């Protein structure tokens, strides 16, 4: 379920696995490998879950950064993490 009332999506485990594997391949093609750090800056949507699971699937560490932070706080969190990729 999303942030807005009535905003929801249904997905099967098979569809989720397919999307996660596809995105894991995208991450690999961008040079992300086991042990790398990835920051994720997305609203509460299905793609956020897919990105987190794809990172876990290839062994990359992920840090979710929400939009409630100021621009400076956001910048600090991303730089402190030392991420190799930012997903938006």
Protein backbone atom coordinates (compact mmCIF):
# COMPACT_ATOMS: atom_id res chain seq x y z
CA UNK A 1 0.00 0.00 0.00
CA UNK A 2 1.18 3.49 -0.83
CA UNK A 3 1.05 6.72 1.11
CA UNK A 4 -2.26 7.83 -0.40
CA UNK A 5 -5.50 6.11 0.68
CA UNK A 6 -6.59 3.65 -1.96
CA UNK A 7 -3.14 3.58 -3.58
CA UNK A 8 -2.20 -0.10 -3.66
CA UNK A 9 -0.70 -2.71 -5.97
CA UNK A 10 -0.93 -6.48 -5.93
CA UNK A 11 1.94 -8.63 -7.11
CA UNK A 12 2.67 -12.34 -6.94
CA UNK A 13 5.87 -13.79 -5.53
CA UNK A 14 6.81 -14.93 -9.05
CA UNK A 15 6.37 -11.42 -10.46
CA UNK A 16 8.36 -9.95 -7.57
CA UNK A 17 11.18 -12.45 -8.09
CA UNK A 18 11.26 -11.63 -11.80
CA UNK A 19 11.48 -7.87 -11.14
CA UNK A 20 14.14 -8.34 -8.45
CA UNK A 21 16.29 -10.52 -10.73
CA UNK A 22 15.93 -8.00 -13.57
CA UNK A 23 16.98 -5.12 -11.33
CA UNK A 24 19.83 -7.15 -9.83
CA UNK A 25 21.13 -7.59 -13.39
CA UNK A 26 20.85 -3.83 -13.94
CA UNK A 27 22.87 -3.21 -10.77
CA UNK A 28 25.52 -5.71 -11.90
CA UNK A 29 25.71 -4.03 -15.31
CA UNK A 30 26.42 -0.75 -13.47
CA UNK A 31 29.34 -2.39 -11.70
CA UNK A 32 27.72 -2.99 -8.32
CA UNK A 33 29.09 -6.10 -6.63
CA UNK A 34 29.03 -7.87 -3.27
CA UNK A 35 29.99 -5.54 -0.44
CA UNK A 36 29.35 -2.31 -2.38
CA UNK A 37 27.11 0.32 -0.79
CA UNK A 38 24.03 1.64 -2.56
CA UNK A 39 21.78 4.53 -1.47
CA UNK A 40 18.11 4.39 -2.40
CA UNK A 41 16.10 7.63 -2.59
CA UNK A 42 12.55 6.60 -3.51
CA UNK A 43 9.04 7.15 -2.15
CA UNK A 44 7.05 4.23 -0.71
CA UNK A 45 6.45 2.47 -4.03
CA UNK A 46 6.93 -1.10 -5.22
CA UNK A 47 10.22 -0.19 -6.90
CA UNK A 48 11.69 0.63 -3.47
CA UNK A 49 11.10 -2.95 -2.33
CA UNK A 50 12.46 -4.29 -5.62
CA UNK A 51 15.63 -2.18 -5.27
CA UNK A 52 16.21 -3.29 -1.66
CA UNK A 53 15.73 -6.96 -2.51
CA UNK A 54 17.93 -6.68 -5.61
CA UNK A 55 20.73 -5.24 -3.47
CA UNK A 56 20.33 -8.08 -0.99
CA UNK A 57 20.31 -10.61 -3.83
CA UNK A 58 23.75 -9.56 -5.07
CA UNK A 59 25.17 -8.91 -1.60
CA UNK A 60 25.31 -5.12 -1.80
CA UNK A 61 24.51 -3.08 1.29
CA UNK A 62 21.68 -0.60 0.89
CA UNK A 63 20.72 2.55 2.73
CA UNK A 64 17.24 3.99 2.24
CA UNK A 65 17.10 7.79 2.44
CA UNK A 66 13.64 9.37 2.66
CA UNK A 67 12.59 12.72 1.21
CA UNK A 68 11.79 14.20 4.63
CA UNK A 69 15.44 15.19 5.13
CA UNK A 70 16.78 18.58 4.12
CA UNK A 71 19.08 18.74 1.10
CA UNK A 72 22.13 19.11 3.35
CA UNK A 73 21.15 16.14 5.53
CA UNK A 74 20.47 14.08 2.45
CA UNK A 75 23.88 14.95 1.01
CA UNK A 76 25.65 14.12 4.27
CA UNK A 77 23.95 10.75 4.62
CA UNK A 78 24.78 9.76 1.05
CA UNK A 79 28.42 10.87 1.32
CA UNK A 80 28.92 9.33 4.79
CA UNK A 81 27.68 6.00 3.48
CA UNK A 82 30.33 6.06 0.73
CA UNK A 83 27.86 4.65 -1.74
CA UNK A 84 28.91 3.62 -5.22
CA UNK A 85 25.42 4.14 -6.68
CA UNK A 86 22.34 6.24 -5.91
CA UNK A 87 18.97 4.88 -7.01
CA UNK A 88 16.27 7.53 -7.52
